Amino acid sequence: MAGFSDYDKYDGLGLAELVRSRQVKPAELVEEAIARIDRYNPSLNAVVHKMYGQALEAAASDLPGGPFKGVPFLLKDLMAFYKGEPLTNSSRFFKDYVPDFDSELVKRYRNAGLIVVGKTNTPEFGMAFVTEPQLHGATHNPWELSRTPGGSSGGSAAAVAARIVPIAHGGDGGGSIRIPSSCCGVFGLKPTRGRNPLGPYYGDAWRGFACEHVITRSVRDSAAILDATAGPDTGAPYCCEPPVDTFLSEVGKEPGILRIAFTAQPFFSDSVDAECVTGLESTVKLCEELGHNVEEALPELDYKSIANAFVMVVCSETRAAIEQAELELNRKASFKDFEDETWVAALLGKKCRASDLSKALNLIQSAGREVGRFFEKYDILLTPTNAAPPLPIGYSVVSGFQRIALKVLGRLNAGGLINLLGGIPVFAERAFVFAAYTPLFNATGQPAMSVPL
C-alpha cells in the first residue's frame, strides 16, 4: 500500500482539500488509515470491526463531492446503523446482529464524502464512562496505555488521538463524547438536542439525553461536519432552530466580551481531583486576560434528585431496549447475554413505576428551565470536563463485595431486592463519581463541549 506520509499534518478538511486539488487520492488516504489501524490497534484496541474492503472500494468509486471527500472515518459500534455491517452495541446479545438499512446520520456522513474504514469500541450499550466491554476487551489511552481513554466513545477518541483518523463518530448520553475527548486531549462537542438526526430507528434516545456527533482533532472539522449533518429527518420528535450562518463560518470569529460563569463544584459527586481544578483555574485566568467578564457561579438545582431521576430514565430505557430487542431478534434475553451492571440496570428499570418515571422527567424538564434562566445571565459556564484524570484500566467504583452482590442478584432477577439495598440512589452515586459534570447538559438538551487547552 502506498499511503500518505504527510497524513499527520492535516485535519479532515485539510485532507479533503488535498483530494480536491488532486495532490492525493482518496485511496492513498484510506490505505494510510488502514496501515495505522494495523500498526496501532494491537496496543490500543480502539477498532473492533474492520471495513477495509468496502472502504477501498468506496475510495476507488465516484465519491460524493462533499466537504470531506475521500477522508477516512470511523463509526462507533453503537447507534450508527450501516447496512450489511455488524452492530454489536458491545453486547453478547447483539454480537450477530447485522442491520439491513443505514441510519440517516450514516447517509449524511457518506454524502459528506467520508469513507468508513471500521467501527470503534464502546462499553455495552454505552453505559459506562470507561471503555472496557467484555465482548471486545478494554481500549487503552494512546497517551498512557495503562489508562482509560474514557467512555463511552473511547475507541473513537483513542483513534483520533493516535492519528489513525482525523475524525470519528461518537454518541453522548451522559458525557460520552466529551469525557473521552478530555481523556485523550482532542475536541468533542455534544450538539443541541435535535440538531442531528437519530432516525429512522430512533425517535429519541434515552428520552432525549443521547445525541450523536464526532470527535475531532480540530474545531473546524467538528463545525463543518455539523453543517453537513444537522437538520431534522422525517418524523423527528425534536427540531432546533437552524443557525443564522454556517457553523464553520463561526469558527475563529471575534466573540466580543463574553459573560462567563465558572465553577469547580461537582454537580453529581462530592469531590474533584486537584489536577482538574488547576486546569479550570488556568482557563479562567486565560479568559480574564482576554478581557471577558468572569465570575464564579452555577445553576441552583437539586443535583442529587436530578442524578436519581437521570439514572431512573436510563434504567427504564435499558429495560425497554432489551425487551424491544427480544422482539426484533426473536430471542429471549437472560443475564448470560449481558454484563452484570447492564442487567441490574434493566432490572431496576423493570421495577420503575410509570408515575415515578413521569415525575423524574418532570424534574429534569424543570431543571432545563432553570438552567435556561441561568444562561440568560451568562454566555458560557466553565467546569472541568471530568472529576479526575483518566482512570487506570480495570478501575471500578464497585467494591468486590458489591460486584458479587450484583452478579448474584442479577442472576436471581431480584430487582425488588436490589431496590431494598439502595436501588437507583446507590446506582446514581456510583455512576457519577467520574462523570460529575457532563450529564447535566444531556438532561437539559443544551450544547456542551470539551476543549483541550
Protein backbone atom coordinates (compact mmCIF):
# COMPACT_ATOMS: atom_id res chain seq x y z
CA MET A 1 0.00 0.00 0.00
CA ALA A 2 1.27 3.44 -0.93
CA GLY A 3 -0.29 5.50 1.88
CA PHE A 4 0.38 9.19 2.51
CA SER A 5 3.36 10.12 4.69
CA ASP A 6 2.17 13.69 5.47
CA TYR A 7 -1.16 12.43 6.87
CA ASP A 8 -0.45 13.78 10.40
CA LYS A 9 -0.06 17.36 9.18
CA TYR A 10 -3.72 17.77 8.21
CA ASP A 11 -7.14 17.69 9.78
CA GLY A 12 -10.11 16.33 7.84
CA LEU A 13 -10.78 19.50 5.86
CA GLY A 14 -7.09 19.74 5.06
CA LEU A 15 -7.02 16.20 3.67
CA ALA A 16 -10.18 16.84 1.66
CA GLU A 17 -8.60 19.93 0.12
CA LEU A 18 -5.64 17.82 -1.00
CA VAL A 19 -8.08 15.41 -2.64
CA ARG A 20 -9.92 18.27 -4.35
CA SER A 21 -6.66 19.73 -5.66
CA ARG A 22 -5.58 16.25 -6.80
CA GLN A 23 -2.44 16.27 -4.66
CA VAL A 24 -3.53 12.98 -3.11
CA LYS A 25 -6.03 10.27 -3.99
CA PRO A 26 -8.76 9.00 -1.63
CA ALA A 27 -7.27 5.51 -1.93
CA GLU A 28 -3.94 6.78 -0.57
CA LEU A 29 -5.68 8.25 2.48
CA VAL A 30 -7.65 5.07 3.09
CA GLU A 31 -4.51 2.97 2.71
CA GLU A 32 -2.76 5.18 5.26
CA ALA A 33 -5.62 4.83 7.74
CA ILE A 34 -5.63 1.05 7.27
CA ALA A 35 -1.88 0.89 7.83
CA ARG A 36 -2.27 2.89 11.04
CA ILE A 37 -5.06 0.66 12.33
CA ASP A 38 -2.86 -2.37 11.71
CA ARG A 39 0.11 -0.66 13.39
CA TYR A 40 -1.53 0.89 16.47
CA ASN A 41 -4.65 -1.15 17.16
CA PRO A 42 -2.89 -4.17 18.70
CA SER A 43 -1.88 -1.95 21.64
CA LEU A 44 -4.96 0.34 21.68
CA ASN A 45 -7.88 -1.97 20.83
CA ALA A 46 -9.73 1.08 19.51
CA VAL A 47 -11.11 -0.51 16.32
CA VAL A 48 -13.24 -3.63 16.86
CA HIS A 49 -14.53 -4.19 13.32
CA LYS A 50 -12.52 -3.55 10.15
CA MET A 51 -14.24 -2.48 6.93
CA TYR A 52 -11.19 -2.36 4.68
CA GLY A 53 -12.74 -3.94 1.59
CA GLN A 54 -15.72 -1.63 1.31
CA ALA A 55 -13.50 1.38 2.21
CA LEU A 56 -11.06 0.68 -0.62
CA GLU A 57 -13.96 0.07 -2.97
CA ALA A 58 -15.53 3.40 -1.98
CA ALA A 59 -12.20 5.21 -2.42
CA ALA A 60 -11.96 3.90 -5.98
CA SER A 61 -15.53 4.92 -6.81
CA ASP A 62 -17.10 8.22 -7.80
CA LEU A 63 -17.41 9.73 -4.31
CA PRO A 64 -19.94 12.45 -3.42
CA GLY A 65 -18.40 15.90 -3.72
CA GLY A 66 -18.97 16.81 -0.07
CA PRO A 67 -16.65 18.84 2.17
CA PHE A 68 -14.83 15.69 3.37
CA LYS A 69 -14.45 13.88 0.06
CA GLY A 70 -12.04 10.97 0.46
CA VAL A 71 -11.37 11.39 4.21
CA PRO A 72 -11.12 8.16 6.28
CA PHE A 73 -13.63 7.91 9.11
CA LEU A 74 -14.57 5.52 11.92
CA LEU A 75 -18.05 4.74 13.26
CA LYS A 76 -18.71 3.95 16.91
CA ASP A 77 -20.18 0.45 17.30
CA LEU A 78 -23.35 1.86 18.85
CA MET A 79 -26.47 3.50 17.38
CA ALA A 80 -24.98 4.07 13.91
CA PHE A 81 -26.65 1.57 11.56
CA TYR A 82 -24.56 0.68 8.49
CA LYS A 83 -26.26 -1.70 6.09
CA GLY A 84 -24.56 -5.08 5.88
CA GLU A 85 -22.06 -4.46 8.72
CA PRO A 86 -22.35 -5.79 12.30
CA LEU A 87 -23.74 -3.54 15.02
CA THR A 88 -22.99 -5.24 18.34
CA ASN A 89 -23.50 -2.38 20.83
CA SER A 90 -20.62 -4.23 22.57
CA SER A 91 -23.19 -6.74 23.83
CA ARG A 92 -23.20 -10.51 23.57
CA PHE A 93 -26.91 -10.31 22.83
CA PHE A 94 -26.25 -8.34 19.61
CA LYS A 95 -22.98 -9.95 18.53
CA ASP A 96 -24.54 -11.47 15.39
CA TYR A 97 -26.85 -8.57 14.51
CA VAL A 98 -26.38 -7.08 11.03
CA PRO A 99 -28.77 -4.25 10.03
CA ASP A 100 -30.33 -4.14 6.58
CA PHE A 101 -30.52 -0.35 6.44
CA ASP A 102 -28.43 2.78 7.02
CA SER A 103 -29.26 5.33 9.68
CA GLU A 104 -29.90 8.83 8.36
CA LEU A 105 -26.75 10.12 10.01
CA VAL A 106 -24.63 7.49 8.25
CA LYS A 107 -26.18 8.54 4.93
CA ARG A 108 -25.23 12.15 5.66
CA TYR A 109 -21.67 11.17 6.56
CA ARG A 110 -21.42 9.33 3.26
CA ASN A 111 -22.86 12.31 1.36
CA ALA A 112 -20.23 14.50 3.02
CA GLY A 113 -17.59 12.32 1.32
CA LEU A 114 -16.38 10.43 4.39
CA ILE A 115 -15.16 6.85 3.91
CA VAL A 116 -15.83 4.45 6.80
CA VAL A 117 -12.84 2.17 7.43
CA GLY A 118 -14.08 0.46 10.60
CA LYS A 119 -16.03 0.57 13.84
CA THR A 120 -14.74 1.58 17.26
CA ASN A 121 -15.03 0.13 20.73
CA THR A 122 -17.61 1.22 23.30
CA PRO A 123 -18.90 -0.14 26.63
CA GLU A 124 -22.04 -2.26 26.47
CA PHE A 125 -24.98 -0.01 25.42
CA GLY A 126 -22.68 2.99 26.05
CA MET A 127 -23.45 2.66 29.75
CA ALA A 128 -20.03 3.42 31.26
CA PHE A 129 -17.53 6.24 31.29
CA VAL A 130 -14.67 3.84 30.55
CA THR A 131 -14.41 1.55 27.51
CA GLU A 132 -13.87 -1.99 28.77
CA PRO A 133 -16.65 -4.22 27.38
CA GLN A 134 -16.44 -7.94 27.98
CA LEU A 135 -17.26 -8.60 24.32
CA HIS A 136 -14.32 -6.69 22.85
CA GLY A 137 -11.96 -6.02 25.77
CA ALA A 138 -10.53 -2.76 27.06
CA THR A 139 -9.46 0.17 24.90
CA HIS A 140 -6.25 1.89 26.02
CA ASN A 141 -5.38 5.57 26.09
CA PRO A 142 -2.73 6.32 23.42
CA TRP A 143 -1.01 8.81 25.73
CA GLU A 144 -0.65 6.24 28.53
CA LEU A 145 -1.61 2.66 27.76
CA SER A 146 -2.31 1.79 31.40
CA ARG A 147 -5.11 4.41 31.50
CA THR A 148 -8.60 4.54 30.07
CA PRO A 149 -9.47 6.73 27.09
CA GLY A 150 -12.80 7.34 28.82
CA GLY A 151 -16.19 6.32 27.51
CA SER A 152 -18.44 5.61 26.04
CA SER A 153 -16.86 6.82 22.77
CA GLY A 154 -13.47 5.67 24.00
CA GLY A 155 -12.48 3.80 20.85
CA SER A 156 -13.21 6.82 18.69
CA ALA A 157 -11.31 9.23 20.95
CA ALA A 158 -8.30 6.91 21.13
CA ALA A 159 -8.26 6.53 17.34
CA VAL A 160 -8.35 10.28 16.76
CA ALA A 161 -5.71 10.96 19.42
CA ALA A 162 -3.46 8.29 17.90
CA ARG A 163 -3.86 9.95 14.48
CA ILE A 164 -5.46 6.87 12.94
CA VAL A 165 -8.20 9.11 11.54
CA PRO A 166 -8.77 12.86 11.91
CA ILE A 167 -12.48 12.40 12.68
CA ALA A 168 -14.52 9.63 14.32
CA HIS A 169 -18.18 9.23 15.16
CA GLY A 170 -19.36 9.33 18.76
CA GLY A 171 -22.52 9.39 20.81
CA ASP A 172 -23.21 11.29 24.03
CA GLY A 173 -25.91 10.27 26.52
CA GLY A 174 -24.19 11.46 29.69
CA GLY A 175 -20.84 12.80 28.53
CA SER A 176 -19.78 10.05 26.15
CA ILE A 177 -18.26 12.37 23.53
CA ARG A 178 -16.87 14.92 25.98
CA ILE A 179 -15.40 12.58 28.60
CA PRO A 180 -13.18 10.57 26.21
CA SER A 181 -12.25 13.74 24.33
CA SER A 182 -10.96 15.15 27.61
CA CYS A 183 -9.13 11.93 28.49
CA CYS A 184 -7.44 11.83 25.08
CA GLY A 185 -6.75 15.54 24.54
CA VAL A 186 -8.98 16.03 21.49
CA PHE A 187 -12.05 18.15 20.74
CA GLY A 188 -15.55 16.87 21.47
CA LEU A 189 -18.88 18.66 21.02
CA LYS A 190 -22.27 17.41 22.19
CA PRO A 191 -24.71 19.30 19.95
CA THR A 192 -28.06 20.72 20.96
CA ARG A 193 -30.84 18.16 21.32
CA GLY A 194 -32.39 17.52 17.92
CA ARG A 195 -29.55 19.11 15.94
CA ASN A 196 -28.51 15.81 14.33
CA PRO A 197 -30.93 13.09 13.14
CA LEU A 198 -31.41 9.81 15.02
CA GLY A 199 -33.76 8.11 12.57
CA PRO A 200 -35.10 6.03 11.16
CA TYR A 201 -34.72 3.59 14.06
CA TYR A 202 -34.75 6.01 16.99
CA GLY A 203 -37.28 8.73 17.70
CA ASP A 204 -35.17 9.96 20.54
CA ALA A 205 -32.65 8.04 22.64
CA TRP A 206 -32.77 7.88 26.42
CA ARG A 207 -35.71 10.33 26.37
CA GLY A 208 -33.63 12.96 24.60
CA PHE A 209 -30.47 12.60 26.68
CA ALA A 210 -28.45 10.97 23.89
CA CYS A 211 -27.27 12.51 20.63
CA GLU A 212 -24.60 11.76 18.04
CA HIS A 213 -21.77 13.79 16.55
CA VAL A 214 -18.00 13.40 16.15
CA ILE A 215 -14.66 13.60 17.93
CA THR A 216 -12.04 15.59 16.04
CA ARG A 217 -8.51 16.95 16.05
CA SER A 218 -9.70 20.43 15.06
CA VAL A 219 -12.66 22.63 15.98
CA ARG A 220 -13.29 23.46 12.33
CA ASP A 221 -13.75 19.80 11.40
CA SER A 222 -16.42 19.45 14.07
CA ALA A 223 -18.18 22.56 12.79
CA ALA A 224 -18.01 21.50 9.14
CA ILE A 225 -19.34 18.02 9.92
CA LEU A 226 -22.24 19.59 11.80
CA ASP A 227 -23.00 21.73 8.76
CA ALA A 228 -23.15 18.52 6.72
CA THR A 229 -25.31 16.51 9.12
CA ALA A 230 -27.54 18.96 11.00
CA GLY A 231 -31.25 19.15 10.40
CA PRO A 232 -34.29 17.04 11.23
CA ASP A 233 -35.16 13.83 9.46
CA THR A 234 -38.66 12.55 8.74
CA GLY A 235 -40.78 12.38 11.89
CA ALA A 236 -38.13 13.74 14.25
CA PRO A 237 -39.59 14.45 17.73
CA TYR A 238 -37.32 17.48 18.29
CA CYS A 239 -36.43 20.29 15.94
CA CYS A 240 -33.90 23.02 16.72
CA GLU A 241 -33.91 26.46 15.26
CA PRO A 242 -31.47 26.42 12.31
CA PRO A 243 -28.33 28.55 12.66
CA VAL A 244 -28.26 32.01 11.11
CA ASP A 245 -24.97 31.17 9.39
CA THR A 246 -22.92 28.01 8.93
CA PHE A 247 -21.18 26.56 11.95
CA LEU A 248 -17.89 26.61 10.06
CA SER A 249 -18.17 30.34 9.39
CA GLU A 250 -18.42 30.96 13.15
CA VAL A 251 -15.07 29.33 13.87
CA GLY A 252 -12.47 31.99 14.59
CA LYS A 253 -14.93 34.88 14.72
CA GLU A 254 -14.32 37.56 17.35
CA PRO A 255 -16.92 36.78 20.06
CA GLY A 256 -16.89 40.14 21.77
CA ILE A 257 -16.79 40.37 25.56
CA LEU A 258 -18.40 37.23 26.98
CA ARG A 259 -20.18 36.80 30.31
CA ILE A 260 -18.52 33.68 31.70
CA ALA A 261 -19.52 31.76 34.81
CA PHE A 262 -17.25 29.10 36.25
CA THR A 263 -17.38 26.50 38.99
CA ALA A 264 -15.22 23.62 40.13
CA GLN A 265 -18.00 22.31 42.38
CA PRO A 266 -19.04 18.91 41.03
CA PHE A 267 -22.75 18.65 40.28
CA PHE A 268 -23.20 14.94 40.89
CA SER A 269 -20.42 13.83 43.26
CA ASP A 270 -18.67 15.03 46.40
CA SER A 271 -15.13 15.57 45.16
CA VAL A 272 -12.98 16.66 42.25
CA ASP A 273 -9.28 15.99 41.73
CA ALA A 274 -6.96 18.95 42.33
CA GLU A 275 -5.44 18.50 38.86
CA CYS A 276 -8.85 19.13 37.27
CA VAL A 277 -9.35 22.24 39.40
CA THR A 278 -5.93 23.54 38.34
CA GLY A 279 -6.92 23.12 34.68
CA LEU A 280 -10.10 25.10 35.27
CA GLU A 281 -8.23 27.87 37.10
CA SER A 282 -5.75 28.29 34.25
CA THR A 283 -8.66 28.54 31.78
CA VAL A 284 -10.39 31.15 33.94
CA LYS A 285 -7.16 33.17 34.06
CA LEU A 286 -6.82 32.97 30.27
CA CYS A 287 -10.40 34.19 29.78
CA GLU A 288 -9.79 37.12 32.15
CA GLU A 289 -6.60 38.03 30.27
CA LEU A 290 -8.62 38.03 27.02
CA GLY A 291 -10.91 40.68 28.52
CA HIS A 292 -14.02 38.62 29.28
CA ASN A 293 -16.21 39.14 32.34
CA VAL A 294 -15.67 36.11 34.57
CA GLU A 295 -17.29 35.23 37.88
CA GLU A 296 -17.91 32.13 39.97
CA ALA A 297 -21.49 30.87 39.68
CA LEU A 298 -23.51 27.74 38.94
CA PRO A 299 -27.19 26.92 38.42
CA GLU A 300 -29.01 26.45 41.73
CA LEU A 301 -30.51 22.98 41.42
CA ASP A 302 -31.27 19.89 43.49
CA TYR A 303 -28.46 17.94 41.87
CA LYS A 304 -28.95 14.77 43.93
CA SER A 305 -32.58 14.50 42.84
CA ILE A 306 -31.58 15.18 39.23
CA ALA A 307 -28.95 12.42 39.40
CA ASN A 308 -31.52 9.94 40.70
CA ALA A 309 -34.03 11.00 38.04
CA PHE A 310 -31.39 10.69 35.32
CA VAL A 311 -30.48 7.15 36.37
CA MET A 312 -34.15 6.15 36.60
CA VAL A 313 -34.65 7.22 32.98
CA VAL A 314 -31.54 5.35 31.82
CA CYS A 315 -32.52 2.19 33.70
CA SER A 316 -36.05 2.23 32.30
CA GLU A 317 -34.72 2.87 28.79
CA THR A 318 -32.27 -0.02 29.18
CA ARG A 319 -35.09 -2.36 30.11
CA ALA A 320 -37.19 -1.13 27.19
CA ALA A 321 -34.27 -1.57 24.78
CA ILE A 322 -33.74 -5.18 25.86
CA GLU A 323 -37.44 -6.02 25.56
CA GLN A 324 -37.59 -4.38 22.12
CA ALA A 325 -34.51 -6.34 21.04
CA GLU A 326 -36.14 -9.58 22.18
CA LEU A 327 -39.00 -8.89 19.77
CA GLU A 328 -36.77 -7.87 16.86
CA LEU A 329 -34.23 -10.68 17.23
CA ASN A 330 -36.85 -13.25 18.24
CA ARG A 331 -34.73 -14.30 21.23
CA LYS A 332 -35.36 -14.35 24.96
CA ALA A 333 -32.79 -12.32 26.91
CA SER A 334 -31.21 -13.51 30.14
CA PHE A 335 -28.45 -12.38 32.48
CA LYS A 336 -25.99 -14.52 30.48
CA ASP A 337 -26.40 -12.21 27.48
CA PHE A 338 -25.34 -9.03 29.29
CA GLU A 339 -22.76 -7.64 31.67
CA ASP A 340 -23.78 -7.54 35.33
CA GLU A 341 -24.24 -3.77 35.55
CA THR A 342 -26.34 -3.65 32.38
CA TRP A 343 -28.62 -6.45 33.55
CA VAL A 344 -29.04 -4.93 37.01
CA ALA A 345 -29.86 -1.55 35.43
CA ALA A 346 -32.54 -3.29 33.37
CA LEU A 347 -33.93 -4.99 36.50
CA LEU A 348 -34.13 -1.60 38.23
CA GLY A 349 -35.83 -0.22 35.14
CA LYS A 350 -38.40 -3.01 35.23
CA LYS A 351 -39.30 -2.02 38.80
CA CYS A 352 -39.81 1.68 37.94
CA ARG A 353 -43.44 2.76 38.24
CA ALA A 354 -44.85 4.80 35.37
CA SER A 355 -45.76 7.62 37.77
CA ASP A 356 -42.20 7.70 39.16
CA LEU A 357 -40.78 7.89 35.65
CA SER A 358 -43.14 10.76 34.82
CA LYS A 359 -42.07 12.61 37.96
CA ALA A 360 -38.41 12.05 37.06
CA LEU A 361 -38.95 13.51 33.59
CA ASN A 362 -40.87 16.47 35.04
CA LEU A 363 -38.00 17.16 37.44
CA ILE A 364 -35.47 17.03 34.61
CA GLN A 365 -37.56 19.38 32.46
CA SER A 366 -37.84 21.82 35.38
CA ALA A 367 -34.06 21.73 35.70
CA GLY A 368 -33.82 22.54 32.00
CA ARG A 369 -35.95 25.64 32.54
CA GLU A 370 -33.77 26.75 35.45
CA VAL A 371 -30.54 26.23 33.50
CA GLY A 372 -32.10 28.18 30.62
CA ARG A 373 -32.68 31.10 33.00
CA PHE A 374 -29.06 30.81 34.15
CA PHE A 375 -27.91 31.32 30.57
CA GLU A 376 -29.96 34.48 30.25
CA LYS A 377 -27.34 35.98 32.57
CA TYR A 378 -24.26 34.13 31.28
CA ASP A 379 -22.98 33.15 27.83
CA ILE A 380 -20.75 30.29 28.99
CA LEU A 381 -20.37 28.03 32.02
CA LEU A 382 -16.83 26.69 32.52
CA THR A 383 -16.25 23.49 34.52
CA PRO A 384 -13.77 20.65 34.41
CA THR A 385 -14.96 18.00 31.95
CA ASN A 386 -14.18 15.13 34.33
CA ALA A 387 -13.83 14.91 38.10
CA ALA A 388 -10.49 13.07 37.83
CA PRO A 389 -7.68 12.40 35.36
CA PRO A 390 -8.02 9.26 33.19
CA LEU A 391 -8.61 6.24 35.41
CA PRO A 392 -6.39 3.14 35.40
CA ILE A 393 -7.59 0.31 33.16
CA GLY A 394 -9.65 -2.06 35.29
CA TYR A 395 -10.56 0.57 37.88
CA SER A 396 -14.05 0.12 39.29
CA VAL A 397 -16.07 2.22 41.71
CA VAL A 398 -17.85 -1.04 42.65
CA SER A 399 -16.23 -2.93 45.54
CA GLY A 400 -15.53 -6.64 45.32
CA PHE A 401 -18.47 -7.42 47.60
CA GLN A 402 -20.80 -5.16 45.61
CA ARG A 403 -19.75 -6.82 42.37
CA ILE A 404 -20.51 -10.27 43.76
CA ALA A 405 -23.86 -8.99 45.04
CA LEU A 406 -24.70 -7.54 41.62
CA LYS A 407 -23.89 -10.84 39.93
CA VAL A 408 -25.94 -12.92 42.38
CA LEU A 409 -28.95 -10.60 42.46
CA GLY A 410 -28.86 -10.22 38.69
CA ARG A 411 -28.91 -13.97 38.17
CA LEU A 412 -31.86 -14.18 40.56
CA ASN A 413 -33.65 -11.39 38.63
CA ALA A 414 -34.07 -9.82 42.06
CA GLY A 415 -34.90 -6.25 41.07
CA GLY A 416 -37.03 -5.75 44.18
CA LEU A 417 -34.20 -6.83 46.48
CA ILE A 418 -31.78 -4.55 44.63
CA ASN A 419 -34.16 -1.68 45.39
CA LEU A 420 -34.19 -2.64 49.08
CA LEU A 421 -30.39 -2.46 49.07
CA GLY A 422 -30.42 1.11 47.81
CA GLY A 423 -31.51 0.75 44.21
CA ILE A 424 -31.32 3.79 41.98
CA PRO A 425 -29.79 6.25 44.52
CA VAL A 426 -26.83 3.90 45.11
CA PHE A 427 -26.52 3.25 41.37
CA ALA A 428 -26.50 7.03 40.75
CA GLU A 429 -23.88 7.66 43.42
CA ARG A 430 -21.51 5.19 41.75
CA ALA A 431 -22.27 6.26 38.20
CA PHE A 432 -21.23 9.89 38.61
CA VAL A 433 -18.00 9.59 40.60
CA PHE A 434 -16.00 10.29 37.42
CA ALA A 435 -18.71 11.99 35.33
CA ALA A 436 -19.63 14.64 37.87
CA TYR A 437 -20.38 17.47 35.41
CA THR A 438 -21.33 16.29 31.94
CA PRO A 439 -24.77 14.62 32.41
CA LEU A 440 -26.49 17.89 33.32
CA PHE A 441 -26.45 19.07 29.71
CA ASN A 442 -27.75 15.76 28.40
CA ALA A 443 -30.67 16.27 30.76
CA THR A 444 -31.27 19.87 29.65
CA GLY A 445 -30.50 19.26 25.96
CA GLN A 446 -28.08 22.17 25.69
CA PRO A 447 -24.81 22.04 23.73
CA ALA A 448 -21.60 21.38 25.62
CA MET A 449 -18.02 20.73 24.61
CA SER A 450 -14.69 19.52 25.92
CA VAL A 451 -11.86 21.75 24.71
CA PRO A 452 -8.19 20.74 25.10
CA LEU A 453 -6.05 23.68 26.22
